[in-house]
């Protein structure tokens, strides 16, 4: 779907933001700068594991710091259901919960094809890439950031200063030095092992999203 140059009305979007990287932040800033009201969903909000190593509350704080210049958005936590049993694996329980949390929208902005398929009869769907000129798009993923964190690499170049400052701020992770330190000690080796054994960079994003989000 081709959307107008300026989005008007009430707009929703959802992702895991684990962590919020520069590409996702640009997308959120673009939506907030155009829409009248934005509802941002944090997916997999009930999970804390190697692919979701930051809690929903921590993820929300990253979003709030990154979007400090905007006041036209709200954040909702969207849990998964598939782990509850086979009867939930068709995504319909997740879909119904999304409709309850987001309500009526003028557009739902999402890149993932599986989520698009679940919601296309309920909302007008638009891709975030259609909002941002190709030359301004930032090609980065949460997986890339987590791998760089696990390697003690240059992960800070993949997130904004606001997010990097929050992730390295002392006192945010209990007995750990900071949230990055907690991630490395709890999930660093598993992250690197997954990259080596499963080809995490090459894994089809839609398959992973279907398996881990809904």
C-alpha atoms as a PDB file:
ATOM      1  CA  UNK A   1       0.000   0.000   0.000  1.00  0.00           C
ATOM      2  CA  UNK A   2       1.220   3.500  -0.830  1.00  0.00           C
ATOM      3  CA  UNK A   3       0.582   5.878   2.040  1.00  0.00           C
ATOM      4  CA  UNK A   4       0.364   9.680   1.940  1.00  0.00           C
ATOM      5  CA  UNK A   5       3.482  11.791   2.418  1.00  0.00           C
ATOM      6  CA  UNK A   6       2.007  12.865   5.754  1.00  0.00           C
ATOM      7  CA  UNK A   7       0.216  10.315   7.911  1.00  0.00           C
ATOM      8  CA  UNK A   8      -2.798  11.755   9.633  1.00  0.00           C
ATOM      9  CA  UNK A   9      -4.821  10.281  12.441  1.00  0.00           C
ATOM     10  CA  UNK A  10      -4.091   7.369  14.742  1.00  0.00           C
ATOM     11  CA  UNK A  11      -1.241   5.036  13.806  1.00  0.00           C
ATOM     12  CA  UNK A  12       0.068   1.834  15.396  1.00  0.00           C
ATOM     13  CA  UNK A  13       3.293  -0.110  15.045  1.00  0.00           C
ATOM     14  CA  UNK A  14       4.953  -3.036  16.798  1.00  0.00           C
ATOM     15  CA  UNK A  15       8.418  -4.556  17.163  1.00  0.00           C
ATOM     16  CA  UNK A  16      10.531  -6.109  19.897  1.00  0.00           C
ATOM     17  CA  UNK A  17      13.132  -3.277  20.038  1.00  0.00           C
ATOM     18  CA  UNK A  18      15.706  -5.519  21.801  1.00  0.00           C
ATOM     19  CA  UNK A  19      17.418  -3.122  21.900  1.00  0.00           C
ATOM     20  CA  UNK A  20      16.070  -0.051  20.106  1.00  0.00           C
ATOM     21  CA  UNK A  21      18.543   0.467  17.262  1.00  0.00           C
ATOM     22  CA  UNK A  22      19.043   3.435  14.949  1.00  0.00           C
ATOM     23  CA  UNK A  23      16.897   2.014  12.163  1.00  0.00           C
ATOM     24  CA  UNK A  24      13.917   1.427  14.437  1.00  0.00           C
ATOM     25  CA  UNK A  25      14.431   4.788  16.124  1.00  0.00           C
ATOM     26  CA  UNK A  26      14.383   6.554  12.750  1.00  0.00           C
ATOM     27  CA  UNK A  27      11.154   4.740  11.933  1.00  0.00           C
ATOM     28  CA  UNK A  28       9.527   5.786  15.226  1.00  0.00           C
ATOM     29  CA  UNK A  29      10.706   9.384  14.860  1.00  0.00           C
ATOM     30  CA  UNK A  30       9.324   9.500  11.329  1.00  0.00           C
ATOM     31  CA  UNK A  31       5.929   8.158  12.404  1.00  0.00           C
ATOM     32  CA  UNK A  32       5.728  10.497  15.401  1.00  0.00           C
ATOM     33  CA  UNK A  33       6.657  13.490  13.244  1.00  0.00           C
ATOM     34  CA  UNK A  34       3.802  12.751  10.825  1.00  0.00           C
ATOM     35  CA  UNK A  35       0.926  11.118  12.703  1.00  0.00           C
ATOM     36  CA  UNK A  36      -1.432  12.784  15.110  1.00  0.00           C
ATOM     37  CA  UNK A  37      -1.277   9.922  17.612  1.00  0.00           C
ATOM     38  CA  UNK A  38       1.055   6.911  17.670  1.00  0.00           C
ATOM     39  CA  UNK A  39       0.680   3.668  19.627  1.00  0.00           C
ATOM     40  CA  UNK A  40       3.967   1.788  19.908  1.00  0.00           C
ATOM     41  CA  UNK A  41       3.715  -1.897  20.765  1.00  0.00           C
ATOM     42  CA  UNK A  42       6.587  -3.736  22.445  1.00  0.00           C
ATOM     43  CA  UNK A  43       6.352  -7.298  21.173  1.00  0.00           C
ATOM     44  CA  UNK A  44       7.311 -10.383  23.204  1.00  0.00           C
ATOM     45  CA  UNK A  45       6.757  -8.272  26.306  1.00  0.00           C
ATOM     46  CA  UNK A  46       6.416 -11.368  28.499  1.00  0.00           C
ATOM     47  CA  UNK A  47       9.716 -12.919  27.412  1.00  0.00           C
ATOM     48  CA  UNK A  48      13.201 -12.616  28.884  1.00  0.00           C
ATOM     49  CA  UNK A  49      15.652 -14.787  26.979  1.00  0.00           C
ATOM     50  CA  UNK A  50      18.542 -14.675  24.514  1.00  0.00           C
ATOM     51  CA  UNK A  51      16.445 -12.940  21.830  1.00  0.00           C
ATOM     52  CA  UNK A  52      14.657 -10.746  24.374  1.00  0.00           C
ATOM     53  CA  UNK A  53      17.420  -9.835  26.839  1.00  0.00           C
ATOM     54  CA  UNK A  54      15.804  -6.597  27.998  1.00  0.00           C
ATOM     55  CA  UNK A  55      12.510  -6.419  29.837  1.00  0.00           C
ATOM     56  CA  UNK A  56       9.485  -4.618  28.432  1.00  0.00           C
ATOM     57  CA  UNK A  57       9.983  -1.892  31.025  1.00  0.00           C
ATOM     58  CA  UNK A  58      13.628  -1.433  30.009  1.00  0.00           C
ATOM     59  CA  UNK A  59      12.656  -1.375  26.343  1.00  0.00           C
ATOM     60  CA  UNK A  60       9.993   1.232  27.065  1.00  0.00           C
ATOM     61  CA  UNK A  61      12.586   3.408  28.782  1.00  0.00           C
ATOM     62  CA  UNK A  62      14.828   3.189  25.706  1.00  0.00           C
ATOM     63  CA  UNK A  63      11.900   4.346  23.566  1.00  0.00           C
ATOM     64  CA  UNK A  64      11.027   7.207  25.900  1.00  0.00           C
ATOM     65  CA  UNK A  65      14.592   8.479  26.003  1.00  0.00           C
ATOM     66  CA  UNK A  66      14.942   8.208  22.237  1.00  0.00           C
ATOM     67  CA  UNK A  67      11.633  10.016  21.622  1.00  0.00           C
ATOM     68  CA  UNK A  68      12.070  12.706  24.264  1.00  0.00           C
ATOM     69  CA  UNK A  69      11.177  15.368  21.699  1.00  0.00           C
ATOM     70  CA  UNK A  70       7.709  13.908  21.073  1.00  0.00           C
ATOM     71  CA  UNK A  71       4.593  13.751  23.232  1.00  0.00           C
ATOM     72  CA  UNK A  72       2.075  12.279  20.785  1.00  0.00           C
ATOM     73  CA  UNK A  73       2.758   8.597  21.445  1.00  0.00           C
ATOM     74  CA  UNK A  74       1.907   5.920  23.985  1.00  0.00           C
ATOM     75  CA  UNK A  75       3.475   2.517  24.611  1.00  0.00           C
ATOM     76  CA  UNK A  76       1.655  -0.795  25.058  1.00  0.00           C
ATOM     77  CA  UNK A  77       3.137  -4.166  26.021  1.00  0.00           C
ATOM     78  CA  UNK A  78       2.136  -6.999  23.692  1.00  0.00           C
ATOM     79  CA  UNK A  79       2.767 -10.515  25.086  1.00  0.00           C
ATOM     80  CA  UNK A  80       3.222 -13.751  23.168  1.00  0.00           C
ATOM     81  CA  UNK A  81       0.842 -16.720  23.378  1.00  0.00           C
ATOM     82  CA  UNK A  82       2.332 -19.506  21.231  1.00  0.00           C
ATOM     83  CA  UNK A  83       4.254 -21.009  24.167  1.00  0.00           C
ATOM     84  CA  UNK A  84       0.936 -21.764  25.910  1.00  0.00           C
ATOM     85  CA  UNK A  85       0.094 -24.601  23.516  1.00  0.00           C
ATOM     86  CA  UNK A  86      -0.712 -25.624  19.931  1.00  0.00           C
ATOM     87  CA  UNK A  87      -4.127 -23.944  20.036  1.00  0.00           C
ATOM     88  CA  UNK A  88      -2.421 -20.538  20.240  1.00  0.00           C
ATOM     89  CA  UNK A  89       0.108 -21.039  17.442  1.00  0.00           C
ATOM     90  CA  UNK A  90      -2.073 -19.721  14.625  1.00  0.00           C
ATOM     91  CA  UNK A  91      -1.583 -16.184  15.952  1.00  0.00           C
ATOM     92  CA  UNK A  92      -5.292 -15.491  16.461  1.00  0.00           C
ATOM     93  CA  UNK A  93      -5.046 -14.960  20.234  1.00  0.00           C
ATOM     94  CA  UNK A  94      -2.196 -12.540  19.580  1.00  0.00           C
ATOM     95  CA  UNK A  95      -4.222 -10.783  16.883  1.00  0.00           C
ATOM     96  CA  UNK A  96      -7.261 -10.341  19.138  1.00  0.00           C
ATOM     97  CA  UNK A  97      -5.071  -8.925  21.882  1.00  0.00           C
ATOM     98  CA  UNK A  98      -3.500  -6.467  19.430  1.00  0.00           C
ATOM     99  CA  UNK A  99      -6.962  -5.277  18.411  1.00  0.00           C
ATOM    100  CA  UNK A 100      -7.863  -4.796  22.079  1.00  0.00           C
ATOM    101  CA  UNK A 101      -4.657  -2.926  22.921  1.00  0.00           C
ATOM    102  CA  UNK A 102      -4.507  -0.695  19.838  1.00  0.00           C
ATOM    103  CA  UNK A 103      -8.187  -0.098  19.117  1.00  0.00           C
ATOM    104  CA  UNK A 104      -9.206   1.708  15.947  1.00  0.00           C
ATOM    105  CA  UNK A 105      -6.357   2.915  13.748  1.00  0.00           C
ATOM    106  CA  UNK A 106      -5.954   4.756  10.495  1.00  0.00           C
ATOM    107  CA  UNK A 107      -2.804   2.755   9.700  1.00  0.00           C
ATOM    108  CA  UNK A 108      -0.808  -0.089  11.161  1.00  0.00           C
ATOM    109  CA  UNK A 109       2.832   0.194  10.127  1.00  0.00           C
ATOM    110  CA  UNK A 110       4.770  -3.048  10.009  1.00  0.00           C
ATOM    111  CA  UNK A 111       7.448  -4.618   7.805  1.00  0.00           C
ATOM    112  CA  UNK A 112       6.923  -8.246   8.792  1.00  0.00           C
ATOM    113  CA  UNK A 113       4.854 -10.265   6.354  1.00  0.00           C
ATOM    114  CA  UNK A 114       3.420 -12.651   8.940  1.00  0.00           C
ATOM    115  CA  UNK A 115       2.093  -9.818  11.102  1.00  0.00           C
ATOM    116  CA  UNK A 116       0.758  -8.116   7.985  1.00  0.00           C
ATOM    117  CA  UNK A 117      -1.165 -11.262   7.110  1.00  0.00           C
ATOM    118  CA  UNK A 118      -2.619 -11.488  10.623  1.00  0.00           C
ATOM    119  CA  UNK A 119      -3.800  -7.876  10.685  1.00  0.00           C
ATOM    120  CA  UNK A 120      -4.536  -6.928   7.075  1.00  0.00           C
ATOM    121  CA  UNK A 121      -8.284  -7.536   7.404  1.00  0.00           C
ATOM    122  CA  UNK A 122      -8.447  -5.306  10.495  1.00  0.00           C
ATOM    123  CA  UNK A 123      -6.143  -2.413   9.619  1.00  0.00           C
ATOM    124  CA  UNK A 124      -4.763  -0.561   6.628  1.00  0.00           C
ATOM    125  CA  UNK A 125      -1.188  -1.836   6.516  1.00  0.00           C
ATOM    126  CA  UNK A 126       1.826   0.224   5.452  1.00  0.00           C
ATOM    127  CA  UNK A 127       5.517  -0.649   5.419  1.00  0.00           C
ATOM    128  CA  UNK A 128       7.875   1.592   7.407  1.00  0.00           C
ATOM    129  CA  UNK A 129      10.255   1.652   4.435  1.00  0.00           C
ATOM    130  CA  UNK A 130       7.590   3.506   2.456  1.00  0.00           C
ATOM    131  CA  UNK A 131       7.842   6.415   4.918  1.00  0.00           C
ATOM    132  CA  UNK A 132      11.584   6.889   4.729  1.00  0.00           C
ATOM    133  CA  UNK A 133      13.481   7.759   1.534  1.00  0.00           C
ATOM    134  CA  UNK A 134      15.690   4.878   0.462  1.00  0.00           C
ATOM    135  CA  UNK A 135      18.844   6.951   0.803  1.00  0.00           C
ATOM    136  CA  UNK A 136      17.978   7.713   4.445  1.00  0.00           C
ATOM    137  CA  UNK A 137      17.124   4.177   5.518  1.00  0.00           C
ATOM    138  CA  UNK A 138      19.426   2.496   8.051  1.00  0.00           C
ATOM    139  CA  UNK A 139      20.040  -1.217   7.544  1.00  0.00           C
ATOM    140  CA  UNK A 140      20.492  -2.637  11.029  1.00  0.00           C
ATOM    141  CA  UNK A 141      18.735  -5.246  13.161  1.00  0.00           C
ATOM    142  CA  UNK A 142      18.439  -6.072  16.840  1.00  0.00           C
ATOM    143  CA  UNK A 143      20.355  -9.282  16.179  1.00  0.00           C
ATOM    144  CA  UNK A 144      23.289  -7.289  14.805  1.00  0.00           C
ATOM    145  CA  UNK A 145      23.377  -5.108  17.925  1.00  0.00           C
ATOM    146  CA  UNK A 146      23.175  -8.077  20.292  1.00  0.00           C
ATOM    147  CA  UNK A 147      25.981  -9.907  18.484  1.00  0.00           C
ATOM    148  CA  UNK A 148      28.206  -6.826  18.658  1.00  0.00           C
ATOM    149  CA  UNK A 149      27.408  -6.512  22.374  1.00  0.00           C
ATOM    150  CA  UNK A 150      28.277 -10.161  22.949  1.00  0.00           C
ATOM    151  CA  UNK A 151      31.577  -9.716  21.072  1.00  0.00           C
ATOM    152  CA  UNK A 152      32.315  -6.505  22.989  1.00  0.00           C
ATOM    153  CA  UNK A 153      32.349  -4.902  19.569  1.00  0.00           C
ATOM    154  CA  UNK A 154      31.205  -1.551  18.217  1.00  0.00           C
ATOM    155  CA  UNK A 155      27.522  -1.888  19.178  1.00  0.00           C
ATOM    156  CA  UNK A 156      27.296   1.789  20.147  1.00  0.00           C
ATOM    157  CA  UNK A 157      27.549   2.778  16.479  1.00  0.00           C
ATOM    158  CA  UNK A 158      24.263   0.922  15.865  1.00  0.00           C
ATOM    159  CA  UNK A 159      22.170   2.752  18.489  1.00  0.00           C
ATOM    160  CA  UNK A 160      21.621   6.380  19.370  1.00  0.00           C
ATOM    161  CA  UNK A 161      23.557   8.101  22.145  1.00  0.00           C
ATOM    162  CA  UNK A 162      20.406   8.198  24.272  1.00  0.00           C
ATOM    163  CA  UNK A 163      19.992   4.426  24.079  1.00  0.00           C
ATOM    164  CA  UNK A 164      23.719   3.745  24.553  1.00  0.00           C
ATOM    165  CA  UNK A 165      23.791   5.971  27.632  1.00  0.00           C
ATOM    166  CA  UNK A 166      20.823   4.152  29.119  1.00  0.00           C
ATOM    167  CA  UNK A 167      22.264   0.697  28.423  1.00  0.00           C
ATOM    168  CA  UNK A 168      25.569   1.620  30.094  1.00  0.00           C
ATOM    169  CA  UNK A 169      24.095   3.608  32.966  1.00  0.00           C
ATOM    170  CA  UNK A 170      25.144   2.209  36.369  1.00  0.00           C
ATOM    171  CA  UNK A 171      22.476   1.007  38.767  1.00  0.00           C
ATOM    172  CA  UNK A 172      19.962  -0.183  36.161  1.00  0.00           C
ATOM    173  CA  UNK A 173      20.707  -3.914  36.340  1.00  0.00           C
ATOM    174  CA  UNK A 174      20.777  -4.985  39.972  1.00  0.00           C
ATOM    175  CA  UNK A 175      24.086  -6.610  40.875  1.00  0.00           C
ATOM    176  CA  UNK A 176      25.458  -6.124  37.364  1.00  0.00           C
ATOM    177  CA  UNK A 177      27.457  -3.077  36.329  1.00  0.00           C
ATOM    178  CA  UNK A 178      24.847  -2.058  33.748  1.00  0.00           C
ATOM    179  CA  UNK A 179      22.380  -3.586  31.273  1.00  0.00           C
ATOM    180  CA  UNK A 180      25.063  -4.431  28.711  1.00  0.00           C
ATOM    181  CA  UNK A 181      27.127  -6.151  31.385  1.00  0.00           C
ATOM    182  CA  UNK A 182      24.056  -8.159  32.411  1.00  0.00           C
ATOM    183  CA  UNK A 183      23.376  -9.145  28.805  1.00  0.00           C
ATOM    184  CA  UNK A 184      26.951 -10.322  28.226  1.00  0.00           C
ATOM    185  CA  UNK A 185      27.050 -12.386  31.401  1.00  0.00           C
ATOM    186  CA  UNK A 186      23.583 -13.901  31.042  1.00  0.00           C
ATOM    187  CA  UNK A 187      23.260 -14.285  27.266  1.00  0.00           C
ATOM    188  CA  UNK A 188      26.582 -13.397  25.622  1.00  0.00           C
ATOM    189  CA  UNK A 189      27.876 -16.918  25.068  1.00  0.00           C
ATOM    190  CA  UNK A 190      24.449 -18.167  23.983  1.00  0.00           C
ATOM    191  CA  UNK A 191      24.181 -15.309  21.504  1.00  0.00           C
ATOM    192  CA  UNK A 192      27.542 -16.140  19.935  1.00  0.00           C
ATOM    193  CA  UNK A 193      26.773 -19.870  19.924  1.00  0.00           C
ATOM    194  CA  UNK A 194      23.471 -19.225  18.169  1.00  0.00           C
ATOM    195  CA  UNK A 195      25.245 -17.149  15.559  1.00  0.00           C
ATOM    196  CA  UNK A 196      27.704 -19.973  14.912  1.00  0.00           C
ATOM    197  CA  UNK A 197      25.309 -22.923  14.966  1.00  0.00           C
ATOM    198  CA  UNK A 198      22.132 -21.443  13.515  1.00  0.00           C
ATOM    199  CA  UNK A 199      23.467 -18.793  11.152  1.00  0.00           C
ATOM    200  CA  UNK A 200      21.594 -16.126  13.082  1.00  0.00           C
ATOM    201  CA  UNK A 201      22.530 -13.362  10.626  1.00  0.00           C
ATOM    202  CA  UNK A 202      21.115 -15.334   7.726  1.00  0.00           C
ATOM    203  CA  UNK A 203      17.988 -16.634   9.451  1.00  0.00           C
ATOM    204  CA  UNK A 204      14.816 -15.587   7.704  1.00  0.00           C
ATOM    205  CA  UNK A 205      13.480 -12.709   9.785  1.00  0.00           C
ATOM    206  CA  UNK A 206       9.847 -13.568   9.193  1.00  0.00           C
ATOM    207  CA  UNK A 207      10.346 -17.148  10.394  1.00  0.00           C
ATOM    208  CA  UNK A 208      12.097 -15.933  13.535  1.00  0.00           C
ATOM    209  CA  UNK A 209       9.395 -13.340  14.148  1.00  0.00           C
ATOM    210  CA  UNK A 210       6.653 -15.932  13.785  1.00  0.00           C
ATOM    211  CA  UNK A 211       8.476 -18.311  16.123  1.00  0.00           C
ATOM    212  CA  UNK A 212       9.416 -15.830  18.825  1.00  0.00           C
ATOM    213  CA  UNK A 213       6.872 -12.988  18.744  1.00  0.00           C
ATOM    214  CA  UNK A 214       3.501 -14.655  18.442  1.00  0.00           C
END
